[in-house]
Amino acid sequence: GFPRVSTSFDFHSALRFEQEFDVCLRVAAITKKSIRYTCVMTDGDTKIATGTLVVVCVRRRPNGPMAAVEIPPVILARLQVARDVGA
């Protein structure tokens, strides 16, 4: 699994119930065990929120705690760090 271990968001504008908006999620960094994303949420030209999210690859055994493990090569092969990450 990939649980969140860190998040940080700044909110710039309010949303209304059922308001639709766009989310741009980019891979900002990859380590052996973690992925850091940047995120920008917008509605047209209005910036709603910006932030970061870090997930860690873990394995959990029955009745045991989660333990960080290396991201499987099959997953790493599908990811690359975005060139224009600025958030």
PDB file of N, CA and C in Angstrom:
ATOM      1  N   GLY A   1       0.819  -1.183   0.000  1.00  0.00           N
ATOM      2  CA  GLY A   1       0.000   0.000   0.000  1.00  0.00           C
ATOM      3  C   GLY A   1       0.865   1.250   0.000  1.00  0.00           C
ATOM      4  N   PHE A   2       0.203   2.391  -0.160  1.00  0.00           N
ATOM      5  CA  PHE A   2       0.883   3.689  -0.185  1.00  0.00           C
ATOM      6  C   PHE A   2       0.158   4.681   0.727  1.00  0.00           C
ATOM      7  N   PRO A   3       0.288   4.539   2.041  1.00  0.00           N
ATOM      8  CA  PRO A   3      -0.369   5.500   2.929  1.00  0.00           C
ATOM      9  C   PRO A   3       0.322   6.864   2.884  1.00  0.00           C
ATOM     10  N   ARG A   4      -0.457   7.896   3.150  1.00  0.00           N
ATOM     11  CA  ARG A   4       0.088   9.260   3.255  1.00  0.00           C
ATOM     12  C   ARG A   4       0.889   9.358   4.545  1.00  0.00           C
ATOM     13  N   VAL A   5       2.057   9.984   4.446  1.00  0.00           N
ATOM     14  CA  VAL A   5       2.859  10.213   5.650  1.00  0.00           C
ATOM     15  C   VAL A   5       3.045  11.701   5.914  1.00  0.00           C
ATOM     16  N   SER A   6       2.756  12.531   4.911  1.00  0.00           N
ATOM     17  CA  SER A   6       2.893  13.969   5.082  1.00  0.00           C
ATOM     18  C   SER A   6       2.020  14.687   4.047  1.00  0.00           C
ATOM     19  N   THR A   7       1.328  15.721   4.494  1.00  0.00           N
ATOM     20  CA  THR A   7       0.572  16.575   3.578  1.00  0.00           C
ATOM     21  C   THR A   7       0.692  18.013   4.055  1.00  0.00           C
ATOM     22  N   SER A   8       0.650  18.924   3.098  1.00  0.00           N
ATOM     23  CA  SER A   8       0.659  20.341   3.413  1.00  0.00           C
ATOM     24  C   SER A   8      -0.064  21.072   2.297  1.00  0.00           C
ATOM     25  N   PHE A   9      -1.134  21.771   2.629  1.00  0.00           N
ATOM     26  CA  PHE A   9      -1.904  22.510   1.631  1.00  0.00           C
ATOM     27  C   PHE A   9      -2.203  23.915   2.118  1.00  0.00           C
ATOM     28  N   ASP A  10      -2.163  24.855   1.182  1.00  0.00           N
ATOM     29  CA  ASP A  10      -2.605  26.223   1.426  1.00  0.00           C
ATOM     30  C   ASP A  10      -3.852  26.438   0.587  1.00  0.00           C
ATOM     31  N   PHE A  11      -4.890  26.947   1.217  1.00  0.00           N
ATOM     32  CA  PHE A  11      -6.152  27.171   0.526  1.00  0.00           C
ATOM     33  C   PHE A  11      -6.281  28.654   0.200  1.00  0.00           C
ATOM     34  N   HIS A  12      -6.580  28.947  -1.068  1.00  0.00           N
ATOM     35  CA  HIS A  12      -6.603  30.315  -1.564  1.00  0.00           C
ATOM     36  C   HIS A  12      -8.009  30.814  -1.856  1.00  0.00           C
ATOM     37  N   SER A  13      -8.955  29.889  -2.026  1.00  0.00           N
ATOM     38  CA  SER A  13     -10.325  30.255  -2.374  1.00  0.00           C
ATOM     39  C   SER A  13     -11.267  29.175  -1.855  1.00  0.00           C
ATOM     40  N   ALA A  14     -12.474  29.572  -1.515  1.00  0.00           N
ATOM     41  CA  ALA A  14     -13.451  28.618  -0.987  1.00  0.00           C
ATOM     42  C   ALA A  14     -14.146  27.863  -2.117  1.00  0.00           C
ATOM     43  N   LEU A  15     -14.620  26.657  -1.797  1.00  0.00           N
ATOM     44  CA  LEU A  15     -15.442  25.868  -2.713  1.00  0.00           C
ATOM     45  C   LEU A  15     -16.857  25.789  -2.164  1.00  0.00           C
ATOM     46  N   ARG A  16     -17.814  25.621  -3.068  1.00  0.00           N
ATOM     47  CA  ARG A  16     -19.203  25.410  -2.667  1.00  0.00           C
ATOM     48  C   ARG A  16     -19.553  23.942  -2.851  1.00  0.00           C
ATOM     49  N   PHE A  17     -20.551  23.471  -2.135  1.00  0.00           N
ATOM     50  CA  PHE A  17     -21.003  22.089  -2.236  1.00  0.00           C
ATOM     51  C   PHE A  17     -21.294  21.743  -3.694  1.00  0.00           C
ATOM     52  N   GLU A  18     -20.743  20.631  -4.153  1.00  0.00           N
ATOM     53  CA  GLU A  18     -20.907  20.103  -5.507  1.00  0.00           C
ATOM     54  C   GLU A  18     -20.254  20.953  -6.594  1.00  0.00           C
ATOM     55  N   GLN A  19     -19.439  21.934  -6.219  1.00  0.00           N
ATOM     56  CA  GLN A  19     -18.702  22.712  -7.214  1.00  0.00           C
ATOM     57  C   GLN A  19     -17.640  21.817  -7.839  1.00  0.00           C
ATOM     58  N   GLU A  20     -17.550  21.845  -9.155  1.00  0.00           N
ATOM     59  CA  GLU A  20     -16.522  21.078  -9.838  1.00  0.00           C
ATOM     60  C   GLU A  20     -15.256  21.913  -9.950  1.00  0.00           C
ATOM     61  N   PHE A  21     -14.094  21.228  -9.930  1.00  0.00           N
ATOM     62  CA  PHE A  21     -12.812  21.911 -10.037  1.00  0.00           C
ATOM     63  C   PHE A  21     -11.799  20.942 -10.636  1.00  0.00           C
ATOM     64  N   ASP A  22     -10.677  21.478 -11.075  1.00  0.00           N
ATOM     65  CA  ASP A  22      -9.614  20.677 -11.676  1.00  0.00           C
ATOM     66  C   ASP A  22      -8.490  20.458 -10.675  1.00  0.00           C
ATOM     67  N   VAL A  23      -7.868  19.284 -10.762  1.00  0.00           N
ATOM     68  CA  VAL A  23      -6.728  18.953  -9.914  1.00  0.00           C
ATOM     69  C   VAL A  23      -5.567  18.559 -10.817  1.00  0.00           C
ATOM     70  N   CYS A  24      -4.444  19.235 -10.642  1.00  0.00           N
ATOM     71  CA  CYS A  24      -3.208  18.893 -11.355  1.00  0.00           C
ATOM     72  C   CYS A  24      -2.249  18.306 -10.328  1.00  0.00           C
ATOM     73  N   LEU A  25      -1.987  17.015 -10.458  1.00  0.00           N
ATOM     74  CA  LEU A  25      -1.120  16.303  -9.525  1.00  0.00           C
ATOM     75  C   LEU A  25       0.128  15.877 -10.284  1.00  0.00           C
ATOM     76  N   ARG A  26       1.301  16.263  -9.771  1.00  0.00           N
ATOM     77  CA  ARG A  26       2.570  15.945 -10.440  1.00  0.00           C
ATOM     78  C   ARG A  26       3.517  15.250  -9.489  1.00  0.00           C
ATOM     79  N   VAL A  27       4.287  14.322 -10.031  1.00  0.00           N
ATOM     80  CA  VAL A  27       5.335  13.666  -9.243  1.00  0.00           C
ATOM     81  C   VAL A  27       6.497  14.642  -9.123  1.00  0.00           C
ATOM     82  N   ALA A  28       6.821  15.032  -7.898  1.00  0.00           N
ATOM     83  CA  ALA A  28       7.896  15.997  -7.654  1.00  0.00           C
ATOM     84  C   ALA A  28       9.212  15.320  -7.288  1.00  0.00           C
ATOM     85  N   ALA A  29       9.148  14.147  -6.651  1.00  0.00           N
ATOM     86  CA  ALA A  29      10.367  13.438  -6.253  1.00  0.00           C
ATOM     87  C   ALA A  29      10.034  11.975  -5.990  1.00  0.00           C
ATOM     88  N   ILE A  30      11.016  11.128  -6.260  1.00  0.00           N
ATOM     89  CA  ILE A  30      10.884   9.699  -6.001  1.00  0.00           C
ATOM     90  C   ILE A  30      12.150   9.230  -5.287  1.00  0.00           C
ATOM     91  N   THR A  31      11.956   8.489  -4.189  1.00  0.00           N
ATOM     92  CA  THR A  31      13.082   7.817  -3.536  1.00  0.00           C
ATOM     93  C   THR A  31      12.829   6.318  -3.638  1.00  0.00           C
ATOM     94  N   LYS A  32      13.660   5.516  -3.019  1.00  0.00           N
ATOM     95  CA  LYS A  32      13.473   4.063  -3.070  1.00  0.00           C
ATOM     96  C   LYS A  32      12.142   3.629  -2.454  1.00  0.00           C
ATOM     97  N   LYS A  33      11.679   4.402  -1.450  1.00  0.00           N
ATOM     98  CA  LYS A  33      10.480   3.987  -0.725  1.00  0.00           C
ATOM     99  C   LYS A  33       9.337   4.995  -0.743  1.00  0.00           C
ATOM    100  N   SER A  34       9.564   6.210  -1.285  1.00  0.00           N
ATOM    101  CA  SER A  34       8.520   7.236  -1.193  1.00  0.00           C
ATOM    102  C   SER A  34       8.334   8.001  -2.498  1.00  0.00           C
ATOM    103  N   ILE A  35       7.167   8.631  -2.599  1.00  0.00           N
ATOM    104  CA  ILE A  35       6.835   9.494  -3.728  1.00  0.00           C
ATOM    105  C   ILE A  35       6.279  10.794  -3.166  1.00  0.00           C
ATOM    106  N   ARG A  36       6.812  11.930  -3.651  1.00  0.00           N
ATOM    107  CA  ARG A  36       6.283  13.240  -3.251  1.00  0.00           C
ATOM    108  C   ARG A  36       5.601  13.854  -4.456  1.00  0.00           C
ATOM    109  N   TYR A  37       4.359  14.295  -4.236  1.00  0.00           N
ATOM    110  CA  TYR A  37       3.551  14.921  -5.268  1.00  0.00           C
ATOM    111  C   TYR A  37       3.359  16.400  -4.949  1.00  0.00           C
ATOM    112  N   THR A  38       3.203  17.216  -5.977  1.00  0.00           N
ATOM    113  CA  THR A  38       2.708  18.576  -5.798  1.00  0.00           C
ATOM    114  C   THR A  38       1.320  18.621  -6.410  1.00  0.00           C
ATOM    115  N   CYS A  39       0.499  19.508  -5.893  1.00  0.00           N
ATOM    116  CA  CYS A  39      -0.889  19.569  -6.321  1.00  0.00           C
ATOM    117  C   CYS A  39      -1.331  21.021  -6.460  1.00  0.00           C
ATOM    118  N   VAL A  40      -2.065  21.290  -7.536  1.00  0.00           N
ATOM    119  CA  VAL A  40      -2.707  22.591  -7.718  1.00  0.00           C
ATOM    120  C   VAL A  40      -4.158  22.324  -8.068  1.00  0.00           C
ATOM    121  N   MET A  41      -5.070  22.908  -7.306  1.00  0.00           N
ATOM    122  CA  MET A  41      -6.500  22.787  -7.577  1.00  0.00           C
ATOM    123  C   MET A  41      -7.003  24.132  -8.074  1.00  0.00           C
ATOM    124  N   THR A  42      -7.730  24.119  -9.201  1.00  0.00           N
ATOM    125  CA  THR A  42      -8.221  25.360  -9.808  1.00  0.00           C
ATOM    126  C   THR A  42      -9.649  25.196 -10.300  1.00  0.00           C
ATOM    127  N   ASP A  43     -10.297  26.326 -10.476  1.00  0.00           N
ATOM    128  CA  ASP A  43     -11.588  26.415 -11.142  1.00  0.00           C
ATOM    129  C   ASP A  43     -11.442  27.535 -12.161  1.00  0.00           C
ATOM    130  N   GLY A  44     -11.183  27.160 -13.416  1.00  0.00           N
ATOM    131  CA  GLY A  44     -10.883  28.165 -14.417  1.00  0.00           C
ATOM    132  C   GLY A  44      -9.573  28.843 -14.077  1.00  0.00           C
ATOM    133  N   ASP A  45      -9.584  30.177 -13.984  1.00  0.00           N
ATOM    134  CA  ASP A  45      -8.382  30.939 -13.630  1.00  0.00           C
ATOM    135  C   ASP A  45      -8.223  31.132 -12.126  1.00  0.00           C
ATOM    136  N   THR A  46      -9.169  30.618 -11.341  1.00  0.00           N
ATOM    137  CA  THR A  46      -9.123  30.789  -9.885  1.00  0.00           C
ATOM    138  C   THR A  46      -8.345  29.655  -9.234  1.00  0.00           C
ATOM    139  N   LYS A  47      -7.255  30.010  -8.539  1.00  0.00           N
ATOM    140  CA  LYS A  47      -6.477  29.011  -7.805  1.00  0.00           C
ATOM    141  C   LYS A  47      -7.182  28.745  -6.485  1.00  0.00           C
ATOM    142  N   ILE A  48      -7.525  27.496  -6.253  1.00  0.00           N
ATOM    143  CA  ILE A  48      -8.250  27.108  -5.045  1.00  0.00           C
ATOM    144  C   ILE A  48      -7.288  26.675  -3.941  1.00  0.00           C
ATOM    145  N   ALA A  49      -6.313  25.837  -4.299  1.00  0.00           N
ATOM    146  CA  ALA A  49      -5.375  25.335  -3.290  1.00  0.00           C
ATOM    147  C   ALA A  49      -4.093  24.853  -3.961  1.00  0.00           C
ATOM    148  N   THR A  50      -3.008  24.882  -3.191  1.00  0.00           N
ATOM    149  CA  THR A  50      -1.721  24.335  -3.622  1.00  0.00           C
ATOM    150  C   THR A  50      -1.131  23.557  -2.459  1.00  0.00           C
ATOM    151  N   GLY A  51      -0.369  22.520  -2.779  1.00  0.00           N
ATOM    152  CA  GLY A  51       0.225  21.777  -1.684  1.00  0.00           C
ATOM    153  C   GLY A  51       1.074  20.617  -2.124  1.00  0.00           C
ATOM    154  N   THR A  52       1.487  19.834  -1.134  1.00  0.00           N
ATOM    155  CA  THR A  52       2.299  18.650  -1.375  1.00  0.00           C
ATOM    156  C   THR A  52       1.728  17.461  -0.605  1.00  0.00           C
ATOM    157  N   LEU A  53       2.067  16.281  -1.093  1.00  0.00           N
ATOM    158  CA  LEU A  53       1.611  15.034  -0.507  1.00  0.00           C
ATOM    159  C   LEU A  53       2.744  14.029  -0.640  1.00  0.00           C
ATOM    160  N   VAL A  54       3.085  13.347   0.445  1.00  0.00           N
ATOM    161  CA  VAL A  54       4.114  12.317   0.410  1.00  0.00           C
ATOM    162  C   VAL A  54       3.483  10.991   0.816  1.00  0.00           C
ATOM    163  N   VAL A  55       3.741   9.960   0.002  1.00  0.00           N
ATOM    164  CA  VAL A  55       3.279   8.604   0.308  1.00  0.00           C
ATOM    165  C   VAL A  55       4.496   7.694   0.395  1.00  0.00           C
ATOM    166  N   VAL A  56       4.375   6.632   1.189  1.00  0.00           N
ATOM    167  CA  VAL A  56       5.463   5.665   1.350  1.00  0.00           C
ATOM    168  C   VAL A  56       4.922   4.282   1.027  1.00  0.00           C
ATOM    169  N   CYS A  57       5.703   3.518   0.306  1.00  0.00           N
ATOM    170  CA  CYS A  57       5.333   2.145   0.000  1.00  0.00           C
ATOM    171  C   CYS A  57       5.524   1.297   1.255  1.00  0.00           C
ATOM    172  N   VAL A  58       4.481   0.555   1.628  1.00  0.00           N
ATOM    173  CA  VAL A  58       4.559  -0.278   2.838  1.00  0.00           C
ATOM    174  C   VAL A  58       4.024  -1.674   2.569  1.00  0.00           C
ATOM    175  N   ARG A  59       4.445  -2.567   3.423  1.00  0.00           N
ATOM    176  CA  ARG A  59       3.898  -3.918   3.427  1.00  0.00           C
ATOM    177  C   ARG A  59       3.399  -4.169   4.835  1.00  0.00           C
ATOM    178  N   ARG A  60       2.248  -4.820   4.912  1.00  0.00           N
ATOM    179  CA  ARG A  60       1.688  -5.142   6.223  1.00  0.00           C
ATOM    180  C   ARG A  60       1.403  -6.631   6.274  1.00  0.00           C
ATOM    181  N   ARG A  61       1.909  -7.251   7.297  1.00  0.00           N
ATOM    182  CA  ARG A  61       1.647  -8.670   7.500  1.00  0.00           C
ATOM    183  C   ARG A  61       0.432  -8.798   8.419  1.00  0.00           C
ATOM    184  N   PRO A  62      -0.326  -9.886   8.297  1.00  0.00           N
ATOM    185  CA  PRO A  62      -1.494 -10.067   9.169  1.00  0.00           C
ATOM    186  C   PRO A  62      -1.110  -9.904  10.646  1.00  0.00           C
ATOM    187  N   ASN A  63      -1.879  -9.106  11.343  1.00  0.00           N
ATOM    188  CA  ASN A  63      -1.666  -8.843  12.770  1.00  0.00           C
ATOM    189  C   ASN A  63      -0.310  -8.221  13.076  1.00  0.00           C
ATOM    190  N   GLY A  64       0.291  -7.588  12.076  1.00  0.00           N
ATOM    191  CA  GLY A  64       1.587  -6.954  12.293  1.00  0.00           C
ATOM    192  C   GLY A  64       1.550  -5.504  11.852  1.00  0.00           C
ATOM    193  N   PRO A  65       2.566  -4.745  12.217  1.00  0.00           N
ATOM    194  CA  PRO A  65       2.614  -3.340  11.828  1.00  0.00           C
ATOM    195  C   PRO A  65       3.041  -3.180  10.363  1.00  0.00           C
ATOM    196  N   MET A  66       2.766  -2.004   9.826  1.00  0.00           N
ATOM    197  CA  MET A  66       3.240  -1.691   8.485  1.00  0.00           C
ATOM    198  C   MET A  66       4.736  -1.450   8.546  1.00  0.00           C
ATOM    199  N   ALA A  67       5.434  -1.825   7.482  1.00  0.00           N
ATOM    200  CA  ALA A  67       6.874  -1.579   7.387  1.00  0.00           C
ATOM    201  C   ALA A  67       7.167  -1.014   5.998  1.00  0.00           C
ATOM    202  N   ALA A  68       7.967   0.045   5.945  1.00  0.00           N
ATOM    203  CA  ALA A  68       8.333   0.639   4.664  1.00  0.00           C
ATOM    204  C   ALA A  68       9.163  -0.355   3.861  1.00  0.00           C
ATOM    205  N   VAL A  69       8.852  -0.446   2.563  1.00  0.00           N
ATOM    206  CA  VAL A  69       9.589  -1.320   1.649  1.00  0.00           C
ATOM    207  C   VAL A  69       9.903  -0.536   0.385  1.00  0.00           C
ATOM    208  N   GLU A  70      10.823  -1.047  -0.414  1.00  0.00           N
ATOM    209  CA  GLU A  70      11.148  -0.382  -1.672  1.00  0.00           C
ATOM    210  C   GLU A  70       9.967  -0.478  -2.631  1.00  0.00           C
ATOM    211  N   ILE A  71       9.771   0.590  -3.397  1.00  0.00           N
ATOM    212  CA  ILE A  71       8.704   0.614  -4.386  1.00  0.00           C
ATOM    213  C   ILE A  71       9.021  -0.434  -5.447  1.00  0.00           C
ATOM    214  N   PRO A  72       8.062  -1.308  -5.774  1.00  0.00           N
ATOM    215  CA  PRO A  72       8.316  -2.352  -6.769  1.00  0.00           C
ATOM    216  C   PRO A  72       8.717  -1.759  -8.124  1.00  0.00           C
ATOM    217  N   PRO A  73       9.669  -2.387  -8.815  1.00  0.00           N
ATOM    218  CA  PRO A  73      10.120  -1.892 -10.120  1.00  0.00           C
ATOM    219  C   PRO A  73       8.996  -1.710 -11.125  1.00  0.00           C
ATOM    220  N   VAL A  74       7.980  -2.556 -11.091  1.00  0.00           N
ATOM    221  CA  VAL A  74       6.866  -2.438 -12.040  1.00  0.00           C
ATOM    222  C   VAL A  74       6.110  -1.119 -11.846  1.00  0.00           C
ATOM    223  N   ILE A  75       6.068  -0.614 -10.618  1.00  0.00           N
ATOM    224  CA  ILE A  75       5.434   0.686 -10.347  1.00  0.00           C
ATOM    225  C   ILE A  75       6.391   1.814 -10.709  1.00  0.00           C
ATOM    226  N   LEU A  76       7.647   1.690 -10.310  1.00  0.00           N
ATOM    227  CA  LEU A  76       8.640   2.723 -10.631  1.00  0.00           C
ATOM    228  C   LEU A  76       8.758   2.947 -12.136  1.00  0.00           C
ATOM    229  N   ALA A  77       8.614   1.884 -12.914  1.00  0.00           N
ATOM    230  CA  ALA A  77       8.731   1.988 -14.371  1.00  0.00           C
ATOM    231  C   ALA A  77       7.641   2.865 -14.973  1.00  0.00           C
ATOM    232  N   ARG A  78       6.540   3.063 -14.252  1.00  0.00           N
ATOM    233  CA  ARG A  78       5.418   3.857 -14.760  1.00  0.00           C
ATOM    234  C   ARG A  78       5.446   5.306 -14.282  1.00  0.00           C
ATOM    235  N   LEU A  79       6.430   5.661 -13.466  1.00  0.00           N
ATOM    236  CA  LEU A  79       6.500   7.007 -12.902  1.00  0.00           C
ATOM    237  C   LEU A  79       7.755   7.730 -13.360  1.00  0.00           C
ATOM    238  N   GLN A  80       7.657   9.047 -13.454  1.00  0.00           N
ATOM    239  CA  GLN A  80       8.845   9.871 -13.642  1.00  0.00           C
ATOM    240  C   GLN A  80       8.576  11.237 -13.021  1.00  0.00           C
ATOM    241  N   VAL A  81       9.634  11.889 -12.574  1.00  0.00           N
ATOM    242  CA  VAL A  81       9.507  13.189 -11.960  1.00  0.00           C
ATOM    243  C   VAL A  81       9.158  14.214 -13.037  1.00  0.00           C
ATOM    244  N   ALA A  82       8.145  15.037 -12.759  1.00  0.00           N
ATOM    245  CA  ALA A  82       7.733  16.095 -13.692  1.00  0.00           C
ATOM    246  C   ALA A  82       8.853  17.117 -13.823  1.00  0.00           C
ATOM    247  N   ARG A  83       9.099  17.580 -15.018  1.00  0.00           N
ATOM    248  CA  ARG A  83      10.186  18.531 -15.269  1.00  0.00           C
ATOM    249  C   ARG A  83       9.869  19.927 -14.766  1.00  0.00           C
ATOM    250  N   ASP A  84       8.603  20.294 -14.749  1.00  0.00           N
ATOM    251  CA  ASP A  84       8.226  21.686 -14.434  1.00  0.00           C
ATOM    252  C   ASP A  84       7.538  21.825 -13.089  1.00  0.00           C
ATOM    253  N   VAL A  85       7.919  21.015 -12.103  1.00  0.00           N
ATOM    254  CA  VAL A  85       7.311  21.114 -10.780  1.00  0.00           C
ATOM    255  C   VAL A  85       7.756  22.419 -10.132  1.00  0.00           C
ATOM    256  N   GLY A  86       6.762  23.260  -9.798  1.00  0.00           N
ATOM    257  CA  GLY A  86       7.092  24.541  -9.190  1.00  0.00           C
ATOM    258  C   GLY A  86       6.328  24.825  -7.926  1.00  0.00           C
ATOM    259  N   ALA A  87       5.468  23.904  -7.497  1.00  0.00           N
ATOM    260  CA  ALA A  87       4.652  24.158  -6.306  1.00  0.00           C
ATOM    261  C   ALA A  87       5.400  23.803  -5.058  1.00  0.00           C
TER     262      ALA A  87
END
